[in-house]
């Protein structure tokens, strides 16, 4: 009997003992092609020598020194790198480090509140986010998330957060509505909610540039985020971009918002930042947020014991240097185009695939019981979970989720292969996913 409190207390999980390229290998010798990076984490595969060497070298020098008293070179160097490569408009921003994406979202919310207090806007405490969305598993992050199923057990413990619709074209774009009109209509929901609440009470708007776990790699329509940026600026509301899943190269640019032509006031990142080699997350604040704090208290009102951990930041810097040295952003775009084409060829006319969506190496298929009516499968069937199990039995790992249709129903399967994937591996992923989908559907 395992004494680990696993996610499923009744399941017997394979014991992974080795990573080799883009494969995980268990103690019985079974090899699993990792087509999702766990949860869009392992962007460099599982045995990158340069990152491992950087971590080992840092361990030989220094592991930990408390940030209440000290800083360290890897933390400073990583922050310099992130600011130098941040979207235009970020300016001389700053970065803080945390241990997970959930912690990063908590810190971002607190930073937004501090910004307004430093400026004397004490009434600004309300947060607007989108549904469905997922921003983390801690109580504050879960409250901001708009995924009804994940929120439900803890609803009495969650703070009040306002939610508008995510720009979910498959189910929300009207017939005959242009992309530009759809973008405008969905963005106007934000301004309407700000005005209804009173602009002087709203602290921040939180959104994933490409919605991840809750909606299945859903990009925004062109122009949506530019309009959001204008609305936030008009009403003094901070824009928090949650790039925990979609950032750090996953969609073909280091920061996902680069492709929207804007910058956020506060950006969260994790997952691909450390690529699984060390637990690390970060929050980046643009210059104008930092200026408000410098003009006020001059102190950060949020601290964690392991902030700026030297080994974690050394590993993350090595990850980003590998991405740059090997032009893996170019590889993401090239392999991403291949993945899109292969998914369209395999599932474009599939009677139980209603939508194929994504960007870069971040793609999903939405599974439906009836394609013409976009009818989701009964949630009790857990079709996405069954697809994952069928794929895993065949030796491939994908990321299933439910709730994209209404917060509870709606199955999708997400793919987030490593940036180092070969053309052959991309083809193999799509073939194995197709086999798994067909197996589950045929079994009823």
Protein backbone atom coordinates (compact mmCIF):
# COMPACT_ATOMS: atom_id res chain seq x y z
CA UNK A 1 0.00 0.00 0.00
CA UNK A 2 1.27 3.45 -0.94
CA UNK A 3 1.47 6.05 1.82
CA UNK A 4 1.46 8.87 -0.75
CA UNK A 5 -1.80 10.83 -0.87
CA UNK A 6 -2.28 10.34 -4.61
CA UNK A 7 -4.88 12.18 -6.68
CA UNK A 8 -6.81 8.93 -6.97
CA UNK A 9 -6.61 6.92 -3.76
CA UNK A 10 -8.07 3.80 -5.39
CA UNK A 11 -5.93 3.69 -8.52
CA UNK A 12 -2.65 1.83 -8.93
CA UNK A 13 -0.37 4.06 -10.95
CA UNK A 14 2.64 3.06 -13.04
CA UNK A 15 5.93 3.85 -11.35
CA UNK A 16 8.01 6.08 -13.64
CA UNK A 17 11.72 5.46 -13.18
CA UNK A 18 13.31 7.18 -16.18
CA UNK A 19 12.87 9.90 -18.77
CA UNK A 20 14.37 9.43 -22.21
CA UNK A 21 13.83 12.12 -24.82
CA UNK A 22 10.09 12.67 -25.08
CA UNK A 23 9.32 9.34 -23.43
CA UNK A 24 8.65 8.29 -19.84
CA UNK A 25 9.58 4.74 -18.87
CA UNK A 26 8.03 2.81 -15.99
CA UNK A 27 9.54 0.12 -13.77
CA UNK A 28 8.16 -2.62 -16.03
CA UNK A 29 9.82 -1.18 -19.13
CA UNK A 30 6.65 0.33 -20.66
CA UNK A 31 7.43 3.45 -22.71
CA UNK A 32 4.96 6.36 -22.87
CA UNK A 33 5.24 9.03 -25.55
CA UNK A 34 4.49 12.25 -23.65
CA UNK A 35 2.16 14.21 -25.91
CA UNK A 36 1.06 16.71 -23.29
CA UNK A 37 4.10 17.41 -21.12
CA UNK A 38 2.07 16.29 -18.11
CA UNK A 39 0.13 19.55 -18.15
CA UNK A 40 2.07 21.52 -20.77
CA UNK A 41 5.13 21.40 -18.53
CA UNK A 42 7.89 19.31 -20.13
CA UNK A 43 8.69 21.53 -23.08
CA UNK A 44 12.25 20.19 -23.47
CA UNK A 45 11.49 16.52 -22.95
CA UNK A 46 12.69 14.53 -19.98
CA UNK A 47 16.48 14.32 -20.21
CA UNK A 48 17.87 17.68 -21.33
CA UNK A 49 21.58 17.58 -20.50
CA UNK A 50 22.19 21.34 -20.45
CA UNK A 51 19.44 22.02 -17.92
CA UNK A 52 20.49 19.14 -15.68
CA UNK A 53 24.09 20.35 -15.76
CA UNK A 54 23.05 23.90 -14.85
CA UNK A 55 21.07 22.62 -11.86
CA UNK A 56 23.94 20.41 -10.69
CA UNK A 57 26.46 23.23 -11.07
CA UNK A 58 24.30 25.58 -9.02
CA UNK A 59 23.87 22.95 -6.30
CA UNK A 60 27.65 22.80 -6.03
CA UNK A 61 27.70 26.56 -5.32
CA UNK A 62 24.52 27.48 -3.42
CA UNK A 63 21.03 26.06 -2.96
CA UNK A 64 19.22 28.50 -0.68
CA UNK A 65 19.63 31.88 0.96
CA UNK A 66 16.53 33.63 2.36
CA UNK A 67 15.35 36.55 0.26
CA UNK A 68 14.50 38.64 3.30
CA UNK A 69 18.24 39.25 3.50
CA UNK A 70 19.92 38.19 0.27
CA UNK A 71 19.65 37.84 -3.48
CA UNK A 72 21.63 35.51 -5.75
CA UNK A 73 23.03 35.57 -9.31
CA UNK A 74 20.63 33.07 -10.98
CA UNK A 75 17.56 34.94 -9.71
CA UNK A 76 18.93 38.26 -10.95
CA UNK A 77 20.01 36.83 -14.30
CA UNK A 78 16.68 35.12 -14.94
CA UNK A 79 14.78 38.33 -14.16
CA UNK A 80 17.06 40.26 -16.53
CA UNK A 81 16.33 37.71 -19.25
CA UNK A 82 12.57 37.78 -18.78
CA UNK A 83 12.36 41.58 -18.77
CA UNK A 84 14.63 41.83 -21.82
CA UNK A 85 12.34 39.45 -23.75
CA UNK A 86 9.01 40.75 -22.40
CA UNK A 87 6.34 42.18 -24.69
CA UNK A 88 6.84 45.77 -25.79
CA UNK A 89 5.48 48.19 -23.22
CA UNK A 90 6.64 46.24 -20.19
CA UNK A 91 9.53 48.66 -19.69
CA UNK A 92 11.79 48.32 -16.66
CA UNK A 93 9.55 45.83 -14.92
CA UNK A 94 10.47 43.38 -12.20
CA UNK A 95 9.97 39.69 -11.50
CA UNK A 96 9.21 37.69 -8.35
CA UNK A 97 9.54 33.93 -8.09
CA UNK A 98 7.23 31.36 -6.53
CA UNK A 99 6.76 27.62 -6.47
CA UNK A 100 3.66 26.98 -8.60
CA UNK A 101 1.19 28.60 -10.96
CA UNK A 102 -1.42 28.76 -8.21
CA UNK A 103 1.00 30.66 -5.96
CA UNK A 104 1.78 32.97 -8.86
CA UNK A 105 -1.89 33.84 -9.33
CA UNK A 106 -2.31 34.50 -5.60
CA UNK A 107 0.73 36.78 -5.71
CA UNK A 108 -0.56 38.57 -8.82
CA UNK A 109 -3.90 39.32 -7.15
CA UNK A 110 -2.16 40.66 -4.05
CA UNK A 111 0.18 42.75 -6.19
CA UNK A 112 -2.77 44.27 -8.05
CA UNK A 113 -4.39 45.20 -4.75
CA UNK A 114 -1.13 46.67 -3.46
CA UNK A 115 -0.77 48.78 -6.62
CA UNK A 116 -4.14 50.42 -6.06
CA UNK A 117 -3.56 50.96 -2.34
CA UNK A 118 -0.18 52.56 -3.02
CA UNK A 119 -1.98 55.03 -5.29
CA UNK A 120 -4.74 55.74 -2.77
CA UNK A 121 -7.48 53.78 -4.61
CA UNK A 122 -8.58 51.78 -1.59
CA UNK A 123 -12.00 50.98 -3.08
CA UNK A 124 -10.48 48.96 -5.91
CA UNK A 125 -10.77 45.37 -4.72
CA UNK A 126 -13.05 43.61 -7.21
CA UNK A 127 -11.70 41.12 -9.74
CA UNK A 128 -13.26 40.25 -13.09
CA UNK A 129 -12.28 37.01 -14.81
CA UNK A 130 -13.74 34.70 -17.45
CA UNK A 131 -15.65 31.44 -17.62
CA UNK A 132 -14.72 28.78 -18.25
CA UNK A 133 -11.18 29.35 -17.08
CA UNK A 134 -8.73 27.80 -14.67
CA UNK A 135 -6.20 29.88 -12.75
CA UNK A 136 -5.01 27.53 -10.03
CA UNK A 137 -5.97 25.31 -7.14
CA UNK A 138 -5.48 27.51 -4.07
CA UNK A 139 -8.59 29.28 -2.80
CA UNK A 140 -7.92 32.70 -4.29
CA UNK A 141 -6.86 31.28 -7.64
CA UNK A 142 -9.81 28.87 -7.65
CA UNK A 143 -12.19 31.76 -6.97
CA UNK A 144 -10.82 33.63 -9.97
CA UNK A 145 -11.21 30.53 -12.12
CA UNK A 146 -14.51 30.12 -13.92
CA UNK A 147 -14.70 26.33 -14.12
CA UNK A 148 -17.93 25.42 -12.33
CA UNK A 149 -17.03 21.80 -11.71
CA UNK A 150 -13.69 22.56 -10.05
CA UNK A 151 -15.16 25.38 -7.97
CA UNK A 152 -18.25 23.56 -6.71
CA UNK A 153 -16.85 21.61 -3.71
CA UNK A 154 -15.18 24.71 -2.29
CA UNK A 155 -17.72 27.36 -3.30
CA UNK A 156 -18.63 28.39 0.28
CA UNK A 157 -14.95 29.16 0.93
CA UNK A 158 -14.31 31.28 -2.17
CA UNK A 159 -14.21 35.07 -2.40
CA UNK A 160 -16.63 36.77 -4.76
CA UNK A 161 -15.28 37.23 -8.28
CA UNK A 162 -17.17 38.52 -11.31
CA UNK A 163 -17.08 36.38 -14.46
CA UNK A 164 -17.75 37.18 -18.10
CA UNK A 165 -17.58 34.82 -21.09
CA UNK A 166 -14.31 33.66 -22.56
CA UNK A 167 -14.01 34.16 -26.31
CA UNK A 168 -15.06 30.57 -27.10
CA UNK A 169 -15.78 30.72 -30.82
CA UNK A 170 -17.11 27.16 -31.21
CA UNK A 171 -20.09 27.72 -28.91
CA UNK A 172 -20.43 31.51 -28.59
CA UNK A 173 -19.77 32.98 -32.05
CA UNK A 174 -23.05 33.66 -33.83
CA UNK A 175 -23.74 32.22 -37.29
CA UNK A 176 -22.57 34.74 -39.86
CA UNK A 177 -20.78 36.87 -37.25
CA UNK A 178 -17.33 38.00 -38.40
CA UNK A 179 -14.26 37.39 -36.25
CA UNK A 180 -13.88 41.13 -35.73
CA UNK A 181 -17.49 41.52 -34.59
CA UNK A 182 -17.19 38.50 -32.32
CA UNK A 183 -14.03 39.93 -30.75
CA UNK A 184 -15.72 43.29 -30.23
CA UNK A 185 -18.88 41.77 -28.74
CA UNK A 186 -17.03 39.58 -26.25
CA UNK A 187 -14.65 42.37 -25.22
CA UNK A 188 -17.59 44.71 -24.64
CA UNK A 189 -18.77 42.33 -21.92
CA UNK A 190 -15.78 43.50 -19.90
CA UNK A 191 -16.63 47.19 -20.20
CA UNK A 192 -20.28 46.52 -19.39
CA UNK A 193 -19.31 44.64 -16.23
CA UNK A 194 -16.83 47.33 -15.15
CA UNK A 195 -19.48 50.01 -15.56
CA UNK A 196 -22.07 47.92 -13.73
CA UNK A 197 -19.75 47.42 -10.77
CA UNK A 198 -18.41 50.97 -10.82
CA UNK A 199 -14.96 51.50 -12.32
CA UNK A 200 -13.64 52.89 -9.06
CA UNK A 201 -14.19 49.46 -7.41
CA UNK A 202 -12.49 47.21 -9.99
CA UNK A 203 -8.87 46.24 -9.39
CA UNK A 204 -8.06 43.85 -12.24
CA UNK A 205 -9.22 41.73 -15.14
CA UNK A 206 -7.67 38.24 -15.31
CA UNK A 207 -7.47 36.22 -18.54
CA UNK A 208 -5.46 33.49 -20.20
CA UNK A 209 -4.27 34.70 -23.64
CA UNK A 210 -4.89 31.16 -24.87
CA UNK A 211 -7.31 29.38 -22.54
CA UNK A 212 -5.78 26.12 -21.35
CA UNK A 213 -7.08 23.34 -19.14
CA UNK A 214 -10.69 24.45 -18.83
CA UNK A 215 -11.39 25.18 -22.50
CA UNK A 216 -8.76 23.31 -24.45
CA UNK A 217 -6.16 25.64 -26.02
CA UNK A 218 -8.65 28.28 -27.18
CA UNK A 219 -7.02 31.36 -28.76
CA UNK A 220 -8.80 34.70 -28.71
CA UNK A 221 -10.21 36.17 -31.93
CA UNK A 222 -8.01 38.77 -33.58
CA UNK A 223 -8.39 42.18 -31.96
CA UNK A 224 -9.97 40.92 -28.73
CA UNK A 225 -7.04 41.62 -26.44
CA UNK A 226 -6.27 44.99 -28.00
CA UNK A 227 -9.82 46.02 -27.20
CA UNK A 228 -9.48 44.58 -23.67
CA UNK A 229 -6.28 46.58 -23.19
CA UNK A 230 -8.07 49.78 -24.25
CA UNK A 231 -10.97 49.11 -21.87
CA UNK A 232 -8.66 48.40 -18.92
CA UNK A 233 -6.64 51.55 -19.58
CA UNK A 234 -9.77 53.70 -19.89
CA UNK A 235 -11.06 52.61 -16.50
CA UNK A 236 -7.82 52.25 -14.55
CA UNK A 237 -8.14 48.47 -14.31
CA UNK A 238 -5.02 46.29 -14.32
CA UNK A 239 -4.76 43.50 -16.89
CA UNK A 240 -3.40 40.25 -15.44
CA UNK A 241 -2.34 37.74 -18.10
CA UNK A 242 -2.27 34.15 -16.87
CA UNK A 243 0.44 32.58 -19.03
CA UNK A 244 1.10 29.69 -16.67
CA UNK A 245 0.08 27.14 -19.32
CA UNK A 246 0.20 29.03 -22.63
CA UNK A 247 3.39 31.02 -22.10
CA UNK A 248 7.14 30.39 -22.24
CA UNK A 249 7.10 29.43 -25.91
CA UNK A 250 4.14 27.05 -25.91
CA UNK A 251 2.20 29.03 -28.56
CA UNK A 252 5.21 30.02 -30.67
CA UNK A 253 6.42 33.17 -28.90
CA UNK A 254 8.04 33.39 -25.49
CA UNK A 255 5.06 35.31 -24.08
CA UNK A 256 1.66 34.45 -25.56
CA UNK A 257 0.51 38.09 -25.50
CA UNK A 258 3.30 39.05 -27.90
CA UNK A 259 1.09 37.74 -30.68
CA UNK A 260 -1.75 40.04 -29.61
CA UNK A 261 0.38 43.18 -29.91
CA UNK A 262 -0.07 44.27 -26.28
CA UNK A 263 1.51 43.75 -22.89
CA UNK A 264 -0.14 42.94 -19.56
CA UNK A 265 0.34 44.90 -16.37
CA UNK A 266 1.02 41.69 -14.47
CA UNK A 267 1.90 38.32 -16.02
CA UNK A 268 2.00 34.92 -14.34
CA UNK A 269 4.14 32.11 -15.68
CA UNK A 270 5.14 28.60 -14.57
CA UNK A 271 5.04 25.14 -16.22
CA UNK A 272 7.28 25.75 -19.25
CA UNK A 273 9.39 28.22 -17.26
CA UNK A 274 11.10 25.33 -15.49
CA UNK A 275 10.06 22.65 -18.02
CA UNK A 276 9.61 20.22 -15.13
CA UNK A 277 13.24 20.21 -14.06
CA UNK A 278 12.56 22.28 -10.93
CA UNK A 279 9.34 23.61 -9.38
CA UNK A 280 9.20 27.31 -10.25
CA UNK A 281 6.73 30.02 -11.17
CA UNK A 282 7.04 33.75 -11.62
CA UNK A 283 5.07 36.99 -11.63
CA UNK A 284 6.23 39.82 -13.86
CA UNK A 285 5.02 43.37 -13.23
CA UNK A 286 5.44 46.11 -15.81
CA UNK A 287 7.24 49.34 -15.05
CA UNK A 288 4.20 51.43 -14.17
CA UNK A 289 3.14 48.95 -11.49
CA UNK A 290 6.63 49.01 -10.00
CA UNK A 291 6.73 52.81 -10.15
CA UNK A 292 3.60 53.04 -8.00
CA UNK A 293 5.21 50.86 -5.33
CA UNK A 294 8.50 52.77 -5.48
CA UNK A 295 6.60 56.03 -5.02
CA UNK A 296 4.73 54.56 -2.07
CA UNK A 297 5.92 52.04 0.50
CA UNK A 298 8.84 50.73 -1.55
CA UNK A 299 8.14 47.22 -0.21
CA UNK A 300 6.54 44.07 -1.62
CA UNK A 301 3.64 43.02 0.61
CA UNK A 302 3.96 39.36 -0.28
CA UNK A 303 6.68 36.91 0.68
CA UNK A 304 7.32 33.17 0.43
CA UNK A 305 10.14 31.18 1.97
CA UNK A 306 11.42 29.75 -1.30
CA UNK A 307 11.20 32.90 -3.42
CA UNK A 308 14.21 33.33 -5.75
CA UNK A 309 15.49 29.83 -4.99
CA UNK A 310 18.95 29.68 -6.57
CA UNK A 311 18.68 26.13 -7.97
CA UNK A 312 15.19 26.65 -9.39
CA UNK A 313 16.08 29.95 -11.05
CA UNK A 314 19.33 28.52 -12.44
CA UNK A 315 17.36 25.65 -13.98
CA UNK A 316 14.74 27.99 -15.47
CA UNK A 317 17.38 30.26 -16.99
CA UNK A 318 19.01 27.21 -18.59
CA UNK A 319 15.61 26.19 -20.02
CA UNK A 320 15.12 29.58 -21.66
CA UNK A 321 18.68 29.62 -22.96
CA UNK A 322 18.12 26.20 -24.53
CA UNK A 323 14.95 27.47 -26.22
CA UNK A 324 16.87 30.42 -27.64
CA UNK A 325 20.10 28.58 -28.55
CA UNK A 326 18.27 25.86 -30.45
CA UNK A 327 15.63 28.17 -31.99
CA UNK A 328 12.90 26.08 -30.42
CA UNK A 329 10.34 28.85 -30.89
CA UNK A 330 10.80 28.27 -34.61
CA UNK A 331 10.42 24.55 -34.00
CA UNK A 332 7.18 25.18 -32.10
CA UNK A 333 5.77 27.08 -35.05
CA UNK A 334 6.92 24.49 -37.59
CA UNK A 335 5.86 21.41 -35.65
CA UNK A 336 2.71 23.23 -34.58
CA UNK A 337 1.69 23.73 -38.21
CA UNK A 338 2.33 20.04 -38.79
CA UNK A 339 0.24 19.09 -35.75
CA UNK A 340 -2.64 21.32 -36.86
CA UNK A 341 -2.64 19.84 -40.36
CA UNK A 342 -2.48 16.28 -39.04
CA UNK A 343 -5.35 16.89 -36.61
CA UNK A 344 -7.45 18.42 -39.36
CA UNK A 345 -6.73 15.48 -41.66
CA UNK A 346 -7.55 12.89 -38.99
CA UNK A 347 -10.47 14.57 -37.19
CA UNK A 348 -11.76 17.29 -39.51
CA UNK A 349 -14.73 15.18 -40.60
CA UNK A 350 -14.94 12.92 -37.57
CA UNK A 351 -18.59 12.56 -36.48
CA UNK A 352 -17.67 12.95 -32.81
CA UNK A 353 -15.13 15.77 -33.02
CA UNK A 354 -16.87 19.13 -33.02
CA UNK A 355 -13.90 21.46 -32.93
CA UNK A 356 -10.13 21.50 -33.38
CA UNK A 357 -8.44 24.54 -31.85
CA UNK A 358 -5.06 25.77 -30.73
CA UNK A 359 -1.88 27.63 -31.51
CA UNK A 360 1.78 26.59 -31.69
CA UNK A 361 2.25 23.25 -29.96
CA UNK A 362 -0.93 23.69 -27.93
CA UNK A 363 -3.93 21.94 -29.56
CA UNK A 364 -7.18 20.30 -28.51
CA UNK A 365 -10.07 18.37 -29.96
CA UNK A 366 -13.55 18.78 -28.51
CA UNK A 367 -15.52 15.55 -28.45
CA UNK A 368 -19.29 15.64 -29.01
CA UNK A 369 -22.11 13.09 -29.03
CA UNK A 370 -23.74 14.76 -32.02
CA UNK A 371 -21.75 17.03 -34.29
CA UNK A 372 -24.45 19.09 -36.03
CA UNK A 373 -26.03 20.16 -32.75
CA UNK A 374 -22.71 20.42 -30.89
CA UNK A 375 -24.24 18.15 -28.27
CA UNK A 376 -21.82 17.18 -25.51
CA UNK A 377 -21.57 13.63 -24.24
CA UNK A 378 -23.28 12.87 -20.95
CA UNK A 379 -20.78 13.89 -18.31
CA UNK A 380 -21.13 10.55 -16.51
CA UNK A 381 -19.51 8.79 -19.47
CA UNK A 382 -16.23 10.66 -18.94
CA UNK A 383 -15.33 10.24 -22.60
CA UNK A 384 -12.19 12.38 -22.40
CA UNK A 385 -10.91 10.40 -19.44
CA UNK A 386 -11.54 7.13 -21.27
CA UNK A 387 -9.63 8.45 -24.29
CA UNK A 388 -6.69 9.22 -22.03
CA UNK A 389 -6.74 5.71 -20.56
CA UNK A 390 -6.98 4.08 -23.99
CA UNK A 391 -4.09 6.17 -25.29
CA UNK A 392 -2.02 5.41 -22.20
CA UNK A 393 -2.58 1.69 -22.58
CA UNK A 394 -1.18 2.04 -26.09
CA UNK A 395 1.82 4.06 -24.84
CA UNK A 396 0.87 7.72 -25.29
CA UNK A 397 -0.04 10.39 -22.72
CA UNK A 398 -2.62 13.12 -23.42
CA UNK A 399 -4.49 15.59 -21.19
CA UNK A 400 -8.26 15.12 -20.81
CA UNK A 401 -10.75 17.53 -19.28
CA UNK A 402 -14.47 18.06 -18.90
CA UNK A 403 -16.62 21.16 -18.53
CA UNK A 404 -15.81 23.18 -21.64
CA UNK A 405 -19.46 23.32 -22.75
CA UNK A 406 -21.10 24.55 -19.56
CA UNK A 407 -18.62 24.13 -16.72
CA UNK A 408 -19.60 20.50 -16.15
CA UNK A 409 -20.37 18.83 -19.49
CA UNK A 410 -18.14 19.02 -22.53
CA UNK A 411 -15.14 16.74 -23.18
CA UNK A 412 -11.89 17.80 -24.74
CA UNK A 413 -8.45 16.26 -25.06
CA UNK A 414 -5.42 18.57 -25.04
CA UNK A 415 -2.04 18.00 -26.68
CA UNK A 416 1.10 19.90 -25.70
CA UNK A 417 4.09 17.98 -27.08
CA UNK A 418 7.68 18.94 -26.31
CA UNK A 419 9.28 21.68 -28.40
CA UNK A 420 11.88 19.03 -29.28
CA UNK A 421 9.32 16.69 -30.88
CA UNK A 422 10.33 15.13 -34.17
CA UNK A 423 8.05 15.12 -37.24
CA UNK A 424 7.67 11.37 -36.75
CA UNK A 425 6.55 11.83 -33.14
CA UNK A 426 3.94 14.42 -34.15
CA UNK A 427 2.48 11.99 -36.69
CA UNK A 428 2.57 9.20 -34.13
CA UNK A 429 0.73 11.33 -31.55
CA UNK A 430 -2.14 12.06 -33.92
CA UNK A 431 -2.37 8.45 -35.07
CA UNK A 432 -2.46 7.16 -31.47
CA UNK A 433 -5.01 9.78 -30.42
CA UNK A 434 -7.21 8.83 -33.37
CA UNK A 435 -7.00 5.16 -32.45
CA UNK A 436 -7.89 5.95 -28.83
CA UNK A 437 -10.89 8.11 -29.78
CA UNK A 438 -12.25 5.48 -32.15
CA UNK A 439 -11.77 2.73 -29.56
CA UNK A 440 -13.68 4.64 -26.88
CA UNK A 441 -16.51 5.66 -29.23
CA UNK A 442 -16.92 2.13 -30.61
CA UNK A 443 -17.13 0.68 -27.10
CA UNK A 444 -19.98 3.03 -26.23
